[in-house]
Protein backbone atom coordinates (compact mmCIF):
# COMPACT_ATOMS: atom_id res chain seq x y z
CA UNK A 1 -4.87 -20.87 -0.25
CA UNK A 2 -8.10 -22.50 0.89
CA UNK A 3 -10.88 -23.55 -1.46
CA UNK A 4 -13.14 -20.86 0.06
CA UNK A 5 -10.58 -18.14 -0.57
CA UNK A 6 -9.97 -19.32 -4.11
CA UNK A 7 -13.66 -19.14 -4.97
CA UNK A 8 -14.07 -15.79 -3.20
CA UNK A 9 -11.12 -14.30 -5.10
CA UNK A 10 -12.43 -15.54 -8.45
CA UNK A 11 -15.82 -13.94 -7.80
CA UNK A 12 -14.43 -10.62 -6.55
CA UNK A 13 -11.82 -10.39 -9.29
CA UNK A 14 -14.49 -11.09 -11.89
CA UNK A 15 -16.77 -8.36 -10.52
CA UNK A 16 -13.88 -5.90 -10.44
CA UNK A 17 -13.06 -6.60 -14.06
CA UNK A 18 -16.67 -6.09 -15.05
CA UNK A 19 -16.60 -2.63 -13.46
CA UNK A 20 -13.02 -1.72 -14.40
CA UNK A 21 -10.47 -2.00 -17.16
CA UNK A 22 -7.55 -3.13 -15.04
CA UNK A 23 -3.91 -2.56 -15.95
CA UNK A 24 -2.00 -4.81 -13.58
CA UNK A 25 0.97 -5.44 -15.88
CA UNK A 26 3.47 -3.93 -13.43
CA UNK A 27 2.58 -6.33 -10.61
CA UNK A 28 5.23 -8.69 -12.00
CA UNK A 29 7.72 -6.32 -10.33
CA UNK A 30 6.50 -7.37 -6.89
CA UNK A 31 8.69 -10.25 -5.58
CA UNK A 32 6.99 -13.63 -5.42
CA UNK A 33 8.61 -14.55 -2.11
CA UNK A 34 10.23 -13.02 0.94
CA UNK A 35 9.00 -10.39 3.43
CA UNK A 36 7.89 -7.10 1.92
CA UNK A 37 6.02 -3.99 3.04
CA UNK A 38 3.96 -2.90 0.05
CA UNK A 39 3.28 0.82 0.56
CA UNK A 40 0.06 1.86 -1.17
CA UNK A 41 -1.84 5.13 -1.66
CA UNK A 42 -5.28 5.09 -0.04
CA UNK A 43 -8.00 6.47 -2.32
CA UNK A 44 -11.20 4.40 -2.08
CA UNK A 45 -12.37 1.00 -0.87
CA UNK A 46 -11.46 -0.32 -4.33
CA UNK A 47 -7.71 -0.75 -3.90
CA UNK A 48 -7.98 -3.36 -1.14
CA UNK A 49 -9.79 -6.07 -3.16
CA UNK A 50 -8.08 -4.95 -6.36
CA UNK A 51 -4.51 -5.28 -5.14
CA UNK A 52 -5.18 -8.36 -3.04
CA UNK A 53 -6.92 -10.44 -5.70
CA UNK A 54 -4.57 -9.42 -8.49
CA UNK A 55 -1.44 -10.23 -6.48
CA UNK A 56 -2.59 -13.72 -5.52
CA UNK A 57 -1.33 -16.41 -5.27
CA UNK A 58 1.47 -14.41 -3.64
CA UNK A 59 0.95 -14.54 0.11
CA UNK A 60 -0.33 -11.15 1.19
CA UNK A 61 -2.39 -9.55 3.91
CA UNK A 62 -2.85 -6.11 5.42
CA UNK A 63 -4.66 -3.99 7.95
CA UNK A 64 -8.39 -3.32 7.98
CA UNK A 65 -10.15 -1.00 10.37
CA UNK A 66 -11.57 -2.96 13.31
CA UNK A 67 -15.06 -1.58 12.68
CA UNK A 68 -15.19 -3.57 9.44
CA UNK A 69 -15.92 -6.67 11.51
CA UNK A 70 -19.17 -5.04 12.67
CA UNK A 71 -20.50 -5.95 9.24
CA UNK A 72 -20.90 -9.75 9.07
CA UNK A 73 -20.12 -9.96 5.35
CA UNK A 74 -17.01 -7.77 5.42
CA UNK A 75 -15.87 -9.44 8.62
CA UNK A 76 -16.15 -12.83 6.93
CA UNK A 77 -14.23 -11.64 3.83
CA UNK A 78 -11.42 -10.15 5.92
CA UNK A 79 -11.22 -13.32 7.99
CA UNK A 80 -10.87 -15.38 4.82
CA UNK A 81 -8.12 -13.01 3.65
CA UNK A 82 -6.38 -13.09 7.03
CA UNK A 83 -6.63 -9.32 7.43
CA UNK A 84 -5.33 -7.72 10.62
CA UNK A 85 -7.93 -5.67 12.56
CA UNK A 86 -6.57 -2.23 13.42
CA UNK A 87 -8.02 0.04 16.07
CA UNK A 88 -7.36 3.48 14.65
CA UNK A 89 -6.50 6.46 16.82
CA UNK A 90 -4.57 4.41 19.36
CA UNK A 91 -1.34 2.46 19.69
CA UNK A 92 -2.63 -0.95 18.65
CA UNK A 93 0.09 -3.24 19.97
CA UNK A 94 -1.67 -6.47 18.97
CA UNK A 95 -2.01 -5.28 15.36
CA UNK A 96 1.68 -4.36 15.30
CA UNK A 97 2.65 -7.80 16.60
CA UNK A 98 0.45 -9.52 14.03
CA UNK A 99 2.00 -7.45 11.23
CA UNK A 100 5.53 -8.30 12.36
CA UNK A 101 4.58 -11.98 12.41
CA UNK A 102 3.34 -11.70 8.81
CA UNK A 103 6.73 -10.32 7.79
CA UNK A 104 8.64 -12.92 9.80
CA UNK A 105 6.72 -15.58 7.88
CA UNK A 106 7.98 -14.08 4.62
CA UNK A 107 4.67 -12.70 3.44
CA UNK A 108 3.67 -9.37 1.90
CA UNK A 109 2.12 -6.77 4.18
CA UNK A 110 0.05 -4.14 2.40
CA UNK A 111 0.05 -0.82 4.20
CA UNK A 112 -1.47 2.61 3.45
CA UNK A 113 0.47 5.21 5.51
CA UNK A 114 -2.14 7.90 4.86
CA UNK A 115 -4.48 6.04 7.20
CA UNK A 116 -7.77 7.26 5.73
CA UNK A 117 -9.13 7.24 2.20
CA UNK A 118 -8.87 10.48 0.26
CA UNK A 119 -11.67 9.88 -2.24
CA UNK A 120 -10.00 12.27 -4.71
CA UNK A 121 -6.69 10.45 -5.21
CA UNK A 122 -4.32 13.20 -4.04
CA UNK A 123 -1.77 12.15 -1.45
CA UNK A 124 -2.33 13.22 2.14
CA UNK A 125 0.31 13.66 4.83
CA UNK A 126 1.15 10.18 6.05
CA UNK A 127 1.47 8.68 9.53
CA UNK A 128 4.79 7.19 10.73
CA UNK A 129 3.64 3.68 11.73
CA UNK A 130 5.20 2.30 8.55
CA UNK A 131 8.64 3.37 9.79
CA UNK A 132 8.30 1.44 13.03
CA UNK A 133 7.28 -1.72 11.17
CA UNK A 134 10.15 -1.40 8.71
CA UNK A 135 12.72 -0.85 11.45
CA UNK A 136 11.55 -3.71 13.65
CA UNK A 137 11.20 -6.19 10.80
CA UNK A 138 14.11 -5.15 8.58
CA UNK A 139 11.83 -5.83 5.60
CA UNK A 140 12.22 -3.90 2.36
CA UNK A 141 9.53 -1.47 1.27
CA UNK A 142 8.13 -1.20 -2.23
CA UNK A 143 5.80 1.57 -3.43
CA UNK A 144 2.65 0.65 -5.34
CA UNK A 145 0.31 3.40 -6.48
CA UNK A 146 -2.93 3.25 -8.40
CA UNK A 147 -4.93 5.79 -10.36
CA UNK A 148 -8.47 5.81 -11.69
CA UNK A 149 -10.37 4.37 -8.74
CA UNK A 150 -11.55 7.81 -7.68
CA UNK A 151 -13.76 7.83 -10.79
CA UNK A 152 -15.59 4.60 -10.00
CA UNK A 153 -18.83 6.00 -8.53
CA UNK A 154 -19.24 8.58 -11.28
CA UNK A 155 -18.60 6.00 -13.99
CA UNK A 156 -20.99 3.48 -12.45
CA UNK A 157 -23.73 6.11 -12.47
CA UNK A 158 -23.08 6.54 -16.19
CA UNK A 159 -22.80 2.78 -16.79
CA UNK A 160 -19.16 3.19 -17.82
CA UNK A 161 -16.18 1.06 -16.91
CA UNK A 162 -13.38 2.67 -14.93
CA UNK A 163 -9.74 2.58 -15.98
CA UNK A 164 -7.74 1.36 -13.00
CA UNK A 165 -3.96 1.31 -13.33
CA UNK A 166 -1.40 0.02 -10.85
CA UNK A 167 2.17 1.36 -10.96
CA UNK A 168 4.97 -0.36 -9.06
CA UNK A 169 8.22 1.33 -8.07
CA UNK A 170 11.63 0.08 -7.01
CA UNK A 171 12.09 -1.35 -3.49
CA UNK A 172 14.33 0.11 -0.78
CA UNK A 173 15.29 -0.31 2.87
CA UNK A 174 15.26 2.15 5.73
CA UNK A 175 18.65 2.75 7.32
CA UNK A 176 19.09 5.14 10.24
CA UNK A 177 22.49 4.06 11.54
CA UNK A 178 23.10 5.07 15.15
CA UNK A 179 20.94 8.17 15.04
CA UNK A 180 18.59 8.62 18.00
CA UNK A 181 15.05 8.14 16.78
CA UNK A 182 12.61 10.95 17.54
CA UNK A 183 9.06 11.69 16.42
CA UNK A 184 10.42 14.34 14.04
CA UNK A 185 12.90 11.96 12.42
CA UNK A 186 10.27 9.24 12.12
CA UNK A 187 7.97 11.69 10.34
CA UNK A 188 10.83 12.79 8.08
CA UNK A 189 11.41 9.16 7.07
CA UNK A 190 7.70 8.73 6.44
CA UNK A 191 7.75 11.75 4.16
CA UNK A 192 10.73 10.32 2.29
CA UNK A 193 8.74 7.14 1.72
CA UNK A 194 5.72 9.09 0.51
CA UNK A 195 7.82 11.05 -1.96
CA UNK A 196 8.74 7.70 -3.51
CA UNK A 197 5.02 7.12 -4.10
CA UNK A 198 4.56 10.65 -5.38
CA UNK A 199 7.33 10.10 -7.92
CA UNK A 200 5.27 7.32 -9.51
CA UNK A 201 2.11 9.44 -9.79
CA UNK A 202 1.11 12.10 -12.30
CA UNK A 203 1.60 15.53 -10.73
CA UNK A 204 -2.12 16.17 -10.14
CA UNK A 205 -2.23 13.21 -7.73
CA UNK A 206 0.81 14.10 -5.62
CA UNK A 207 -1.08 16.32 -3.17
CA UNK A 208 0.99 17.04 -0.04
CA UNK A 209 4.05 15.67 -1.84
CA UNK A 210 3.78 17.64 -5.07
CA UNK A 211 7.17 19.38 -4.84
CA UNK A 212 9.60 16.59 -5.66
CA UNK A 213 12.48 19.04 -5.41
CA UNK A 214 11.84 19.14 -1.64
CA UNK A 215 12.22 15.37 -1.33
CA UNK A 216 15.20 13.77 0.40
CA UNK A 217 16.48 10.20 0.62
CA UNK A 218 18.68 10.53 3.68
CA UNK A 219 17.29 7.40 5.35
CA UNK A 220 16.47 5.31 2.27
CA UNK A 221 18.83 2.79 0.71
CA UNK A 222 18.39 1.26 -2.74
CA UNK A 223 20.32 -1.74 -4.01
CA UNK A 224 21.67 0.68 -6.60
CA UNK A 225 21.34 4.49 -6.20
CA UNK A 226 20.12 4.71 -9.78
CA UNK A 227 17.03 2.76 -8.70
CA UNK A 228 15.69 5.77 -6.80
CA UNK A 229 12.11 6.36 -7.91
CA UNK A 230 12.74 10.11 -7.56
CA UNK A 231 15.69 10.01 -9.93
CA UNK A 232 13.72 8.05 -12.47
CA UNK A 233 10.79 10.48 -12.24
CA UNK A 234 13.10 13.41 -12.93
CA UNK A 235 14.94 11.67 -15.78
């Protein structure tokens, strides 16, 4: 970590804690080394600096929309953080290669499969890019969800702090065997991943993945079947 990044993180983390009461106690469940795809729900701008600064010094980066670099300040911050510019709405091969390199180096890649922020906190139908990254890298996936950030603007207007809680689930791998991969199967795997996030959330935040009884785990493998986030949610 460079001196510039260290100072930047201290400042941003301090500002975040002024605006929010942060519960990051479960971040100890995120491994401190080795490649990992951290799958995160995408609610507001808040989760990017929140997760990044609170996970440091663990080596982490993630995608940021390419348009962010149009703003000199945000472009500078994302450069300091080593973020990967992503051109949305197209097959961004260079972004995919950069993400695979992050995982080959044994770092954490933060990824929000929903693609766009919801604003309200309820899960949207996710895109299957996460499956391609997991298959090509062989890296485990770990769900991390957060609640409370959707209230930030309203609380700031009332000069109130926002409760922001991060919840971390159990990791898993994707295994497809010899099955021929199709767009439908890739989407089915994506939905299985998103149900793992939904299982960590209160029901009102589950959105498109509210019905946990419809969830499957056909392509997911846990180190122990009892570690299924779905099973633990239903227990």
